[in-house]
Amino acid sequence: MGRHLADHRSGSTGGRVKHFLRLARTPRETWKRARAGAGSQRVVQFLRIARGRVE
């Protein structure tokens, strides 16, 4: 008996892997949100908490 028709597929050219790597290497601006810069008051509060002063 010969092999089934489904067992005669040709080898893959790696197209799916190529497209995956291309997408993985391109920057995704849709997922990265620009954060607003930390204001001076926010930095002061962070340093106060970091020093252990909880006033």
C-alpha atoms as a PDB file:
ATOM      1  CA  MET A   1       0.000   0.000   0.000  1.00  0.00           C
ATOM      2  CA  GLY A   2       1.152   3.472  -0.738  1.00  0.00           C
ATOM      3  CA  ARG A   3       1.103   6.453   1.539  1.00  0.00           C
ATOM      4  CA  HIS A   4      -2.033   8.486   2.029  1.00  0.00           C
ATOM      5  CA  LEU A   5      -2.501  11.639  -0.038  1.00  0.00           C
ATOM      6  CA  ALA A   6      -2.153  13.813   3.068  1.00  0.00           C
ATOM      7  CA  ASP A   7       1.319  12.363   3.688  1.00  0.00           C
ATOM      8  CA  HIS A   8       2.652  13.749   0.399  1.00  0.00           C
ATOM      9  CA  ARG A   9       2.781  17.414   1.328  1.00  0.00           C
ATOM     10  CA  SER A  10       5.666  19.481   0.124  1.00  0.00           C
ATOM     11  CA  GLY A  11       8.140  20.971   2.551  1.00  0.00           C
ATOM     12  CA  SER A  12       7.457  24.336   4.080  1.00  0.00           C
ATOM     13  CA  THR A  13       9.376  27.417   2.951  1.00  0.00           C
ATOM     14  CA  GLY A  14       9.228  28.989   6.412  1.00  0.00           C
ATOM     15  CA  GLY A  15       6.786  31.723   5.427  1.00  0.00           C
ATOM     16  CA  ARG A  16       4.982  31.766   8.751  1.00  0.00           C
ATOM     17  CA  VAL A  17       8.246  32.057  10.664  1.00  0.00           C
ATOM     18  CA  LYS A  18       9.450  34.868   8.388  1.00  0.00           C
ATOM     19  CA  HIS A  19       6.250  36.858   8.939  1.00  0.00           C
ATOM     20  CA  PHE A  20       6.355  36.242  12.692  1.00  0.00           C
ATOM     21  CA  LEU A  21       9.938  37.487  12.921  1.00  0.00           C
ATOM     22  CA  ARG A  22       9.144  40.514  10.764  1.00  0.00           C
ATOM     23  CA  LEU A  23       6.281  41.462  13.078  1.00  0.00           C
ATOM     24  CA  ALA A  24       8.356  40.786  16.181  1.00  0.00           C
ATOM     25  CA  ARG A  25      11.137  43.099  14.990  1.00  0.00           C
ATOM     26  CA  THR A  26       8.965  46.074  14.045  1.00  0.00           C
ATOM     27  CA  PRO A  27       8.178  48.581  16.786  1.00  0.00           C
ATOM     28  CA  ARG A  28       4.556  48.493  17.930  1.00  0.00           C
ATOM     29  CA  GLU A  29       3.388  51.990  18.688  1.00  0.00           C
ATOM     30  CA  THR A  30      -0.139  50.764  19.330  1.00  0.00           C
ATOM     31  CA  TRP A  31       0.913  48.917  22.493  1.00  0.00           C
ATOM     32  CA  LYS A  32       3.258  51.552  23.878  1.00  0.00           C
ATOM     33  CA  ARG A  33       1.541  54.486  25.462  1.00  0.00           C
ATOM     34  CA  ALA A  34       3.477  57.669  26.025  1.00  0.00           C
ATOM     35  CA  ARG A  35       3.427  58.581  29.681  1.00  0.00           C
ATOM     36  CA  ALA A  36       3.297  62.123  30.858  1.00  0.00           C
ATOM     37  CA  GLY A  37       6.528  63.331  32.376  1.00  0.00           C
ATOM     38  CA  ALA A  38       6.718  63.188  36.145  1.00  0.00           C
ATOM     39  CA  GLY A  39       6.177  66.640  37.554  1.00  0.00           C
ATOM     40  CA  SER A  40       8.469  68.114  40.165  1.00  0.00           C
ATOM     41  CA  GLN A  41       5.886  67.566  42.920  1.00  0.00           C
ATOM     42  CA  ARG A  42       5.624  63.887  42.062  1.00  0.00           C
ATOM     43  CA  VAL A  43       9.409  63.487  42.302  1.00  0.00           C
ATOM     44  CA  VAL A  44       9.427  65.297  45.657  1.00  0.00           C
ATOM     45  CA  GLN A  45       6.707  62.982  46.993  1.00  0.00           C
ATOM     46  CA  PHE A  46       8.532  59.889  45.727  1.00  0.00           C
ATOM     47  CA  LEU A  47      11.774  60.954  47.407  1.00  0.00           C
ATOM     48  CA  ARG A  48       9.927  61.740  50.639  1.00  0.00           C
ATOM     49  CA  ILE A  49       8.410  58.251  50.713  1.00  0.00           C
ATOM     50  CA  ALA A  50      11.731  56.653  49.743  1.00  0.00           C
ATOM     51  CA  ARG A  51      13.454  58.374  52.685  1.00  0.00           C
ATOM     52  CA  GLY A  52      10.850  56.987  55.047  1.00  0.00           C
ATOM     53  CA  ARG A  53       9.091  60.228  55.861  1.00  0.00           C
ATOM     54  CA  VAL A  54       5.360  59.621  55.776  1.00  0.00           C
ATOM     55  CA  GLU A  55       4.028  62.973  56.910  1.00  0.00           C
END
